[in-house]
Amino acid sequence: MKRFLALGLAAFFAMTAVLTGCSSTPEKIRIGEVTRSLFYAPQYVALEKGFFKEEGLEVELSTIPGGDKVMSALLSGGIEVALVGSETSIYVSLQGAVDPVVNFAQLTQTDGTFLVSRNKMDDFTFDKLKGSVFLGQRKGGMPQMVGEYVLKKHKINPQGDLELIQNIEFKNIASSFASGTGAYVQLFEPEASRFEQEGIGHVVASFGTESGTVPYTVFMTKQSYLDSNATAIQKFTNAVYKGQQWVASHSAKETANVIGKYFEQIDPTILETAVQRYLGQGSYATDPILDEKEWNQLQDIMDSAGELKQRADYTKLVNTTFAIQSKEGK
């Protein structure tokens, strides 16, 4: 039943694309982002500055918590484009997907988490984690895999040298630490900056800086959609690139002001601090090109965490054509 439903949806969207191409009505693309995050600032800038509209696109953004749920929405036709970690496309491929999910535009190029200590440390070294209680991220997710990769890089066995907690839901990790769980925690912004401001914790290291460049968050779609909607995907990628260039050429305060409507519950000062932290460590990709070196680094991290059954072919799951053309202005 699900198979026939998926086929029906695919046929419907294909017909919609044809009809749209024959009218002046902007083509609609639905994006499903895995979470609402400051990490995705260039996307929000592209939306707020009208870069998608300039390209003749009507973009509808929804937040779908959980990489598995985002992939389900993409594969079933509920969305056309997913914004999620590249590892999800590898998982889908290894399950034998007939219609593979293809990465076409990179948004972030480092891990976005920080190591936060309950106690302030001016002389932090990673070996101080030994024997501590470390509140990590969900097993199998990219944040946790990067966390373990960095610990191993510093000669720390995540399963033996400390007490690693990874059974707490993503949305509850920050509140669990605030309520007293753990001596260290792995957090995204703006929680890291908020905890510093409130005296709950102190940033002592960046997992993004420690783990190097990786395709951490990428826009992806099904191969079938890519094949039948190449013009729309090119326009979409052009808008993403404009957003990336805008963020790269403006201050953290200017970016924070533009994206503020997406984070109304966050203090503007913390918003600016968090954006500056990501800018400072080069987390925001300045162009949408996902290169093979980054892809291989991602798989090295997955392999180190024991989450990669076999390596995925870069040429099958990554298409840089649209990103290259955007950067070259074609």
Foldseek 3Di string as FASTA:
>chain_A
DLVVLLVVLVVVVLVVVVVPVVDLQQAEFEEEEQALALLQLLVLLLVLVVLLVVLRYDYHYDYHHDPVRQVVCQSSNVGFKYKAFPVSQVVCVVVPDPFGKAFAFFWWWFDQKFKWFQDDDPDDDLLVQFAWEEEEEAPPGPRRLLVCVLCVVSVHHPVPRYHYDYPDHPVCSLVVLLVPGIRIYIDGPPSQVVCVVVSRIHGDGDSRLRLDTASGITMIHTNVCCVSPVSSVLSVQLSSLVSLQVLLPDALLVSLVSNVVSPVVDDSVSSSVNSVVCSVSRGTDNFGAHDPVNLVSSVVSCVVSVNRPDRDDCVVRYDHVSRVCSVVVD
